[in-house]
């Protein structure tokens, strides 16, 4: 694959990284919840796995946005085209 479109290659790398990140997130959160279930969870507060799940989930959301909606070049091009249409 010597003739790769560089911009498409960067997008593909970001999306592959997001998918790996999501996989690790799902596996680790499943482990946290199983650990919580097996360790006895009768202390009266919210389940502790909710906190890493929420915090890490924010990171996943940003990673998703960057991988699927965050191509700055495309966003800049769309904004430029909008400004050109408004100018006319």
PDB file of N, CA and C in Angstrom:
ATOM      1  N   UNK A   1       0.825  -1.188   0.000  1.00  0.00           N
ATOM      2  CA  UNK A   1       0.000   0.000   0.000  1.00  0.00           C
ATOM      3  C   UNK A   1       0.868   1.250   0.000  1.00  0.00           C
ATOM      4  N   UNK A   2       1.597   1.462  -1.033  1.00  0.00           N
ATOM      5  CA  UNK A   2       2.478   2.623  -1.107  1.00  0.00           C
ATOM      6  C   UNK A   2       1.742   3.896  -1.484  1.00  0.00           C
ATOM      7  N   UNK A   3       0.651   3.793  -2.199  1.00  0.00           N
ATOM      8  CA  UNK A   3      -0.063   4.963  -2.686  1.00  0.00           C
ATOM      9  C   UNK A   3      -1.268   5.284  -1.808  1.00  0.00           C
ATOM     10  N   UNK A   4      -1.047   5.424  -0.520  1.00  0.00           N
ATOM     11  CA  UNK A   4      -2.135   5.737   0.398  1.00  0.00           C
ATOM     12  C   UNK A   4      -2.429   7.231   0.377  1.00  0.00           C
ATOM     13  N   UNK A   5      -3.697   7.554   0.467  1.00  0.00           N
ATOM     14  CA  UNK A   5      -4.096   8.934   0.667  1.00  0.00           C
ATOM     15  C   UNK A   5      -3.765   9.269   2.120  1.00  0.00           C
ATOM     16  N   UNK A   6      -2.883  10.233   2.335  1.00  0.00           N
ATOM     17  CA  UNK A   6      -2.386  10.513   3.684  1.00  0.00           C
ATOM     18  C   UNK A   6      -3.490  10.936   4.646  1.00  0.00           C
ATOM     19  N   UNK A   7      -4.425  11.752   4.182  1.00  0.00           N
ATOM     20  CA  UNK A   7      -5.509  12.200   5.042  1.00  0.00           C
ATOM     21  C   UNK A   7      -6.411  11.025   5.446  1.00  0.00           C
ATOM     22  N   UNK A   8      -6.733  10.144   4.476  1.00  0.00           N
ATOM     23  CA  UNK A   8      -7.550   8.972   4.792  1.00  0.00           C
ATOM     24  C   UNK A   8      -6.810   8.026   5.725  1.00  0.00           C
ATOM     25  N   UNK A   9      -5.495   7.904   5.540  1.00  0.00           N
ATOM     26  CA  UNK A   9      -4.701   7.044   6.409  1.00  0.00           C
ATOM     27  C   UNK A   9      -4.743   7.551   7.858  1.00  0.00           C
ATOM     28  N   UNK A  10      -4.642   8.860   8.053  1.00  0.00           N
ATOM     29  CA  UNK A  10      -4.696   9.427   9.408  1.00  0.00           C
ATOM     30  C   UNK A  10      -6.049   9.166  10.056  1.00  0.00           C
ATOM     31  N   UNK A  11      -7.110   9.293   9.276  1.00  0.00           N
ATOM     32  CA  UNK A  11      -8.451   9.023   9.798  1.00  0.00           C
ATOM     33  C   UNK A  11      -8.576   7.544  10.173  1.00  0.00           C
ATOM     34  N   UNK A  12      -8.067   6.656   9.326  1.00  0.00           N
ATOM     35  CA  UNK A  12      -8.125   5.217   9.601  1.00  0.00           C
ATOM     36  C   UNK A  12      -7.362   4.873  10.873  1.00  0.00           C
ATOM     37  N   UNK A  13      -6.210   5.493  11.082  1.00  0.00           N
ATOM     38  CA  UNK A  13      -5.417   5.248  12.293  1.00  0.00           C
ATOM     39  C   UNK A  13      -6.177   5.708  13.530  1.00  0.00           C
ATOM     40  N   UNK A  14      -6.810   6.881  13.461  1.00  0.00           N
ATOM     41  CA  UNK A  14      -7.591   7.391  14.599  1.00  0.00           C
ATOM     42  C   UNK A  14      -8.764   6.473  14.918  1.00  0.00           C
ATOM     43  N   UNK A  15      -9.431   5.976  13.888  1.00  0.00           N
ATOM     44  CA  UNK A  15     -10.584   5.113  14.110  1.00  0.00           C
ATOM     45  C   UNK A  15     -10.164   3.756  14.675  1.00  0.00           C
ATOM     46  N   UNK A  16      -9.046   3.229  14.196  1.00  0.00           N
ATOM     47  CA  UNK A  16      -8.541   1.965  14.741  1.00  0.00           C
ATOM     48  C   UNK A  16      -8.138   2.145  16.206  1.00  0.00           C
ATOM     49  N   UNK A  17      -7.520   3.274  16.536  1.00  0.00           N
ATOM     50  CA  UNK A  17      -7.134   3.549  17.916  1.00  0.00           C
ATOM     51  C   UNK A  17      -8.376   3.672  18.800  1.00  0.00           C
ATOM     52  N   UNK A  18      -9.412   4.317  18.291  1.00  0.00           N
ATOM     53  CA  UNK A  18     -10.658   4.430  19.059  1.00  0.00           C
ATOM     54  C   UNK A  18     -11.236   3.052  19.342  1.00  0.00           C
ATOM     55  N   UNK A  19     -11.259   2.173  18.346  1.00  0.00           N
ATOM     56  CA  UNK A  19     -11.829   0.840  18.526  1.00  0.00           C
ATOM     57  C   UNK A  19     -11.038   0.040  19.566  1.00  0.00           C
ATOM     58  N   UNK A  20      -9.706   0.169  19.555  1.00  0.00           N
ATOM     59  CA  UNK A  20      -8.897  -0.488  20.588  1.00  0.00           C
ATOM     60  C   UNK A  20      -9.213   0.085  21.962  1.00  0.00           C
ATOM     61  N   UNK A  21      -9.295   1.400  22.051  1.00  0.00           N
ATOM     62  CA  UNK A  21      -9.596   2.077  23.306  1.00  0.00           C
ATOM     63  C   UNK A  21     -10.963   1.627  23.839  1.00  0.00           C
ATOM     64  N   UNK A  22     -11.951   1.551  22.971  1.00  0.00           N
ATOM     65  CA  UNK A  22     -13.283   1.116  23.374  1.00  0.00           C
ATOM     66  C   UNK A  22     -13.258  -0.328  23.858  1.00  0.00           C
ATOM     67  N   UNK A  23     -12.521  -1.186  23.185  1.00  0.00           N
ATOM     68  CA  UNK A  23     -12.416  -2.583  23.602  1.00  0.00           C
ATOM     69  C   UNK A  23     -11.807  -2.715  24.994  1.00  0.00           C
ATOM     70  N   UNK A  24     -10.735  -1.980  25.255  1.00  0.00           N
ATOM     71  CA  UNK A  24     -10.106  -2.002  26.575  1.00  0.00           C
ATOM     72  C   UNK A  24     -11.072  -1.463  27.621  1.00  0.00           C
ATOM     73  N   UNK A  25     -11.775  -0.405  27.295  1.00  0.00           N
ATOM     74  CA  UNK A  25     -12.769   0.190  28.203  1.00  0.00           C
ATOM     75  C   UNK A  25     -13.832  -0.839  28.582  1.00  0.00           C
ATOM     76  N   UNK A  26     -14.374  -1.537  27.600  1.00  0.00           N
ATOM     77  CA  UNK A  26     -15.428  -2.513  27.864  1.00  0.00           C
ATOM     78  C   UNK A  26     -14.918  -3.680  28.707  1.00  0.00           C
ATOM     79  N   UNK A  27     -13.754  -4.198  28.363  1.00  0.00           N
ATOM     80  CA  UNK A  27     -13.185  -5.324  29.110  1.00  0.00           C
ATOM     81  C   UNK A  27     -12.878  -4.926  30.553  1.00  0.00           C
ATOM     82  N   UNK A  28     -12.244  -3.789  30.736  1.00  0.00           N
ATOM     83  CA  UNK A  28     -11.875  -3.359  32.083  1.00  0.00           C
ATOM     84  C   UNK A  28     -13.104  -3.028  32.927  1.00  0.00           C
ATOM     85  N   UNK A  29     -14.095  -2.401  32.334  1.00  0.00           N
ATOM     86  CA  UNK A  29     -15.298  -2.090  33.110  1.00  0.00           C
ATOM     87  C   UNK A  29     -16.071  -3.348  33.468  1.00  0.00           C
ATOM     88  N   UNK A  30     -16.094  -4.335  32.574  1.00  0.00           N
ATOM     89  CA  UNK A  30     -16.710  -5.616  32.928  1.00  0.00           C
ATOM     90  C   UNK A  30     -15.961  -6.241  34.100  1.00  0.00           C
ATOM     91  N   UNK A  31     -14.628  -6.175  34.076  1.00  0.00           N
ATOM     92  CA  UNK A  31     -13.824  -6.692  35.180  1.00  0.00           C
ATOM     93  C   UNK A  31     -14.124  -5.937  36.469  1.00  0.00           C
ATOM     94  N   UNK A  32     -14.214  -4.621  36.421  1.00  0.00           N
ATOM     95  CA  UNK A  32     -14.519  -3.826  37.620  1.00  0.00           C
ATOM     96  C   UNK A  32     -15.866  -4.223  38.221  1.00  0.00           C
ATOM     97  N   UNK A  33     -16.882  -4.385  37.358  1.00  0.00           N
ATOM     98  CA  UNK A  33     -18.212  -4.741  37.860  1.00  0.00           C
ATOM     99  C   UNK A  33     -18.230  -6.153  38.444  1.00  0.00           C
ATOM    100  N   UNK A  34     -17.529  -7.088  37.806  1.00  0.00           N
ATOM    101  CA  UNK A  34     -17.447  -8.437  38.364  1.00  0.00           C
ATOM    102  C   UNK A  34     -16.713  -8.430  39.701  1.00  0.00           C
ATOM    103  N   UNK A  35     -15.637  -7.675  39.791  1.00  0.00           N
ATOM    104  CA  UNK A  35     -14.896  -7.546  41.041  1.00  0.00           C
ATOM    105  C   UNK A  35     -15.794  -6.974  42.137  1.00  0.00           C
ATOM    106  N   UNK A  36     -16.556  -5.978  41.791  1.00  0.00           N
ATOM    107  CA  UNK A  36     -17.484  -5.367  42.752  1.00  0.00           C
ATOM    108  C   UNK A  36     -18.525  -6.388  43.225  1.00  0.00           C
ATOM    109  N   UNK A  37     -19.062  -7.179  42.278  1.00  0.00           N
ATOM    110  CA  UNK A  37     -20.069  -8.177  42.638  1.00  0.00           C
ATOM    111  C   UNK A  37     -19.489  -9.261  43.545  1.00  0.00           C
ATOM    112  N   UNK A  38     -18.285  -9.713  43.238  1.00  0.00           N
ATOM    113  CA  UNK A  38     -17.669 -10.798  44.002  1.00  0.00           C
ATOM    114  C   UNK A  38     -17.099 -10.340  45.342  1.00  0.00           C
ATOM    115  N   UNK A  39     -16.823  -9.070  45.495  1.00  0.00           N
ATOM    116  CA  UNK A  39     -16.159  -8.601  46.718  1.00  0.00           C
ATOM    117  C   UNK A  39     -17.132  -8.223  47.822  1.00  0.00           C
ATOM    118  N   UNK A  40     -18.388  -8.310  47.573  1.00  0.00           N
ATOM    119  CA  UNK A  40     -19.370  -7.893  48.569  1.00  0.00           C
ATOM    120  C   UNK A  40     -19.566  -6.390  48.459  1.00  0.00           C
ATOM    121  N   UNK A  41     -20.765  -5.988  48.227  1.00  0.00           N
ATOM    122  CA  UNK A  41     -21.037  -4.593  47.891  1.00  0.00           C
ATOM    123  C   UNK A  41     -22.125  -3.991  48.766  1.00  0.00           C
ATOM    124  N   UNK A  42     -22.109  -4.319  50.053  1.00  0.00           N
ATOM    125  CA  UNK A  42     -23.173  -3.871  50.959  1.00  0.00           C
ATOM    126  C   UNK A  42     -22.739  -2.699  51.825  1.00  0.00           C
ATOM    127  N   UNK A  43     -22.049  -1.731  51.276  1.00  0.00           N
ATOM    128  CA  UNK A  43     -21.613  -0.604  52.111  1.00  0.00           C
ATOM    129  C   UNK A  43     -22.557   0.589  52.015  1.00  0.00           C
ATOM    130  N   UNK A  44     -23.599   0.525  51.211  1.00  0.00           N
ATOM    131  CA  UNK A  44     -24.640   1.532  51.215  1.00  0.00           C
ATOM    132  C   UNK A  44     -24.498   2.674  50.235  1.00  0.00           C
ATOM    133  N   UNK A  45     -23.363   2.857  49.634  1.00  0.00           N
ATOM    134  CA  UNK A  45     -23.197   3.951  48.690  1.00  0.00           C
ATOM    135  C   UNK A  45     -23.395   3.476  47.263  1.00  0.00           C
ATOM    136  N   UNK A  46     -23.164   4.353  46.335  1.00  0.00           N
ATOM    137  CA  UNK A  46     -23.256   3.926  44.932  1.00  0.00           C
ATOM    138  C   UNK A  46     -22.125   2.947  44.629  1.00  0.00           C
ATOM    139  N   UNK A  47     -22.318   2.063  43.678  1.00  0.00           N
ATOM    140  CA  UNK A  47     -21.264   1.102  43.345  1.00  0.00           C
ATOM    141  C   UNK A  47     -20.003   1.830  42.866  1.00  0.00           C
ATOM    142  N   UNK A  48     -18.852   1.456  43.403  1.00  0.00           N
ATOM    143  CA  UNK A  48     -17.621   2.157  43.053  1.00  0.00           C
ATOM    144  C   UNK A  48     -17.251   2.057  41.573  1.00  0.00           C
ATOM    145  N   UNK A  49     -17.613   0.965  40.839  1.00  0.00           N
ATOM    146  CA  UNK A  49     -17.232   0.923  39.420  1.00  0.00           C
ATOM    147  C   UNK A  49     -17.865   2.030  38.573  1.00  0.00           C
ATOM    148  N   UNK A  50     -18.892   2.674  39.104  1.00  0.00           N
ATOM    149  CA  UNK A  50     -19.536   3.747  38.340  1.00  0.00           C
ATOM    150  C   UNK A  50     -18.574   4.909  38.108  1.00  0.00           C
ATOM    151  N   UNK A  51     -17.667   5.167  39.068  1.00  0.00           N
ATOM    152  CA  UNK A  51     -16.771   6.319  38.954  1.00  0.00           C
ATOM    153  C   UNK A  51     -15.720   6.145  37.869  1.00  0.00           C
ATOM    154  N   UNK A  52     -14.989   5.014  37.815  1.00  0.00           N
ATOM    155  CA  UNK A  52     -14.068   4.870  36.675  1.00  0.00           C
ATOM    156  C   UNK A  52     -14.805   4.758  35.345  1.00  0.00           C
ATOM    157  N   UNK A  53     -16.005   4.166  35.398  1.00  0.00           N
ATOM    158  CA  UNK A  53     -16.790   4.039  34.172  1.00  0.00           C
ATOM    159  C   UNK A  53     -17.171   5.408  33.618  1.00  0.00           C
ATOM    160  N   UNK A  54     -17.621   6.299  34.492  1.00  0.00           N
ATOM    161  CA  UNK A  54     -18.006   7.644  34.050  1.00  0.00           C
ATOM    162  C   UNK A  54     -16.795   8.467  33.617  1.00  0.00           C
ATOM    163  N   UNK A  55     -15.749   8.451  34.422  1.00  0.00           N
ATOM    164  CA  UNK A  55     -14.558   9.233  34.082  1.00  0.00           C
ATOM    165  C   UNK A  55     -13.918   8.780  32.787  1.00  0.00           C
ATOM    166  N   UNK A  56     -13.725   7.480  32.669  1.00  0.00           N
ATOM    167  CA  UNK A  56     -13.126   6.923  31.464  1.00  0.00           C
ATOM    168  C   UNK A  56     -14.069   7.103  30.283  1.00  0.00           C
ATOM    169  N   UNK A  57     -15.379   7.046  30.540  1.00  0.00           N
ATOM    170  CA  UNK A  57     -16.371   7.234  29.482  1.00  0.00           C
ATOM    171  C   UNK A  57     -16.289   8.612  28.847  1.00  0.00           C
ATOM    172  N   UNK A  58     -15.950   9.615  29.653  1.00  0.00           N
ATOM    173  CA  UNK A  58     -15.756  10.960  29.096  1.00  0.00           C
ATOM    174  C   UNK A  58     -14.592  10.948  28.112  1.00  0.00           C
ATOM    175  N   UNK A  59     -13.511  10.280  28.497  1.00  0.00           N
ATOM    176  CA  UNK A  59     -12.369  10.151  27.585  1.00  0.00           C
ATOM    177  C   UNK A  59     -12.735   9.411  26.314  1.00  0.00           C
ATOM    178  N   UNK A  60     -13.526   8.356  26.435  1.00  0.00           N
ATOM    179  CA  UNK A  60     -13.994   7.594  25.269  1.00  0.00           C
ATOM    180  C   UNK A  60     -14.825   8.483  24.353  1.00  0.00           C
ATOM    181  N   UNK A  61     -15.681   9.312  24.941  1.00  0.00           N
ATOM    182  CA  UNK A  61     -16.526  10.204  24.135  1.00  0.00           C
ATOM    183  C   UNK A  61     -15.675  11.182  23.332  1.00  0.00           C
ATOM    184  N   UNK A  62     -14.655  11.768  23.969  1.00  0.00           N
ATOM    185  CA  UNK A  62     -13.758  12.674  23.247  1.00  0.00           C
ATOM    186  C   UNK A  62     -12.988  11.933  22.158  1.00  0.00           C
ATOM    187  N   UNK A  63     -12.541  10.724  22.476  1.00  0.00           N
ATOM    188  CA  UNK A  63     -11.816   9.915  21.501  1.00  0.00           C
ATOM    189  C   UNK A  63     -12.703   9.584  20.303  1.00  0.00           C
ATOM    190  N   UNK A  64     -13.980   9.254  20.570  1.00  0.00           N
ATOM    191  CA  UNK A  64     -14.928   8.978  19.489  1.00  0.00           C
ATOM    192  C   UNK A  64     -15.110  10.209  18.603  1.00  0.00           C
ATOM    193  N   UNK A  65     -15.324  11.357  19.241  1.00  0.00           N
ATOM    194  CA  UNK A  65     -15.548  12.576  18.469  1.00  0.00           C
ATOM    195  C   UNK A  65     -14.344  12.883  17.578  1.00  0.00           C
ATOM    196  N   UNK A  66     -13.153  12.728  18.125  1.00  0.00           N
ATOM    197  CA  UNK A  66     -11.939  13.003  17.348  1.00  0.00           C
ATOM    198  C   UNK A  66     -11.797  12.026  16.182  1.00  0.00           C
ATOM    199  N   UNK A  67     -12.152  10.765  16.405  1.00  0.00           N
ATOM    200  CA  UNK A  67     -11.975   9.743  15.374  1.00  0.00           C
ATOM    201  C   UNK A  67     -13.023   9.839  14.265  1.00  0.00           C
ATOM    202  N   UNK A  68     -14.255  10.204  14.622  1.00  0.00           N
ATOM    203  CA  UNK A  68     -15.328  10.162  13.633  1.00  0.00           C
ATOM    204  C   UNK A  68     -15.871  11.521  13.207  1.00  0.00           C
ATOM    205  N   UNK A  69     -15.611  12.570  13.983  1.00  0.00           N
ATOM    206  CA  UNK A  69     -16.165  13.881  13.643  1.00  0.00           C
ATOM    207  C   UNK A  69     -15.155  15.012  13.797  1.00  0.00           C
ATOM    208  N   UNK A  70     -13.927  14.696  14.086  1.00  0.00           N
ATOM    209  CA  UNK A  70     -12.998  15.746  14.451  1.00  0.00           C
ATOM    210  C   UNK A  70     -11.924  16.054  13.428  1.00  0.00           C
ATOM    211  N   UNK A  71     -12.157  15.742  12.169  1.00  0.00           N
ATOM    212  CA  UNK A  71     -11.154  16.048  11.147  1.00  0.00           C
ATOM    213  C   UNK A  71     -11.112  17.557  10.945  1.00  0.00           C
ATOM    214  N   UNK A  72     -10.104  18.181  11.501  1.00  0.00           N
ATOM    215  CA  UNK A  72     -10.025  19.648  11.492  1.00  0.00           C
ATOM    216  C   UNK A  72      -9.960  20.213  10.074  1.00  0.00           C
ATOM    217  N   UNK A  73      -9.306  19.516   9.191  1.00  0.00           N
ATOM    218  CA  UNK A  73      -9.203  19.998   7.809  1.00  0.00           C
ATOM    219  C   UNK A  73     -10.587  20.062   7.176  1.00  0.00           C
ATOM    220  N   UNK A  74     -11.372  19.005   7.338  1.00  0.00           N
ATOM    221  CA  UNK A  74     -12.709  18.968   6.758  1.00  0.00           C
ATOM    222  C   UNK A  74     -13.604  20.015   7.406  1.00  0.00           C
ATOM    223  N   UNK A  75     -13.506  20.172   8.715  1.00  0.00           N
ATOM    224  CA  UNK A  75     -14.309  21.170   9.429  1.00  0.00           C
ATOM    225  C   UNK A  75     -13.948  22.565   8.932  1.00  0.00           C
ATOM    226  N   UNK A  76     -12.655  22.833   8.768  1.00  0.00           N
ATOM    227  CA  UNK A  76     -12.215  24.141   8.281  1.00  0.00           C
ATOM    228  C   UNK A  76     -12.707  24.383   6.854  1.00  0.00           C
ATOM    229  N   UNK A  77     -12.661  23.352   6.022  1.00  0.00           N
ATOM    230  CA  UNK A  77     -13.137  23.496   4.642  1.00  0.00           C
ATOM    231  C   UNK A  77     -14.638  23.801   4.610  1.00  0.00           C
ATOM    232  N   UNK A  78     -15.407  23.121   5.435  1.00  0.00           N
ATOM    233  CA  UNK A  78     -16.855  23.374   5.489  1.00  0.00           C
ATOM    234  C   UNK A  78     -17.140  24.793   5.965  1.00  0.00           C
ATOM    235  N   UNK A  79     -16.407  25.247   6.958  1.00  0.00           N
ATOM    236  CA  UNK A  79     -16.603  26.602   7.467  1.00  0.00           C
ATOM    237  C   UNK A  79     -16.245  27.637   6.398  1.00  0.00           C
ATOM    238  N   UNK A  80     -15.167  27.386   5.668  1.00  0.00           N
ATOM    239  CA  UNK A  80     -14.757  28.290   4.599  1.00  0.00           C
ATOM    240  C   UNK A  80     -15.835  28.361   3.512  1.00  0.00           C
ATOM    241  N   UNK A  81     -16.367  27.186   3.131  1.00  0.00           N
ATOM    242  CA  UNK A  81     -17.417  27.159   2.115  1.00  0.00           C
ATOM    243  C   UNK A  81     -18.666  27.905   2.591  1.00  0.00           C
ATOM    244  N   UNK A  82     -18.990  27.766   3.870  1.00  0.00           N
ATOM    245  CA  UNK A  82     -20.139  28.482   4.421  1.00  0.00           C
ATOM    246  C   UNK A  82     -19.904  29.993   4.367  1.00  0.00           C
ATOM    247  N   UNK A  83     -18.718  30.422   4.719  1.00  0.00           N
ATOM    248  CA  UNK A  83     -18.407  31.848   4.675  1.00  0.00           C
ATOM    249  C   UNK A  83     -18.466  32.375   3.230  1.00  0.00           C
ATOM    250  N   UNK A  84     -17.999  31.590   2.290  1.00  0.00           N
ATOM    251  CA  UNK A  84     -18.055  32.009   0.883  1.00  0.00           C
ATOM    252  C   UNK A  84     -19.505  32.116   0.413  1.00  0.00           C
ATOM    253  N   UNK A  85     -20.367  31.197   0.820  1.00  0.00           N
ATOM    254  CA  UNK A  85     -21.783  31.266   0.432  1.00  0.00           C
ATOM    255  C   UNK A  85     -22.444  32.485   1.064  1.00  0.00           C
ATOM    256  N   UNK A  86     -22.111  32.781   2.315  1.00  0.00           N
ATOM    257  CA  UNK A  86     -22.708  33.930   3.006  1.00  0.00           C
ATOM    258  C   UNK A  86     -22.235  35.247   2.413  1.00  0.00           C
ATOM    259  N   UNK A  87     -21.051  35.250   1.879  1.00  0.00           N
ATOM    260  CA  UNK A  87     -20.467  36.464   1.275  1.00  0.00           C
ATOM    261  C   UNK A  87     -21.226  36.879   0.031  1.00  0.00           C
ATOM    262  N   UNK A  88     -21.743  35.901  -0.710  1.00  0.00           N
ATOM    263  CA  UNK A  88     -22.413  36.195  -1.994  1.00  0.00           C
ATOM    264  C   UNK A  88     -23.740  36.817  -1.811  1.00  0.00           C
TER     265      UNK A  88
END
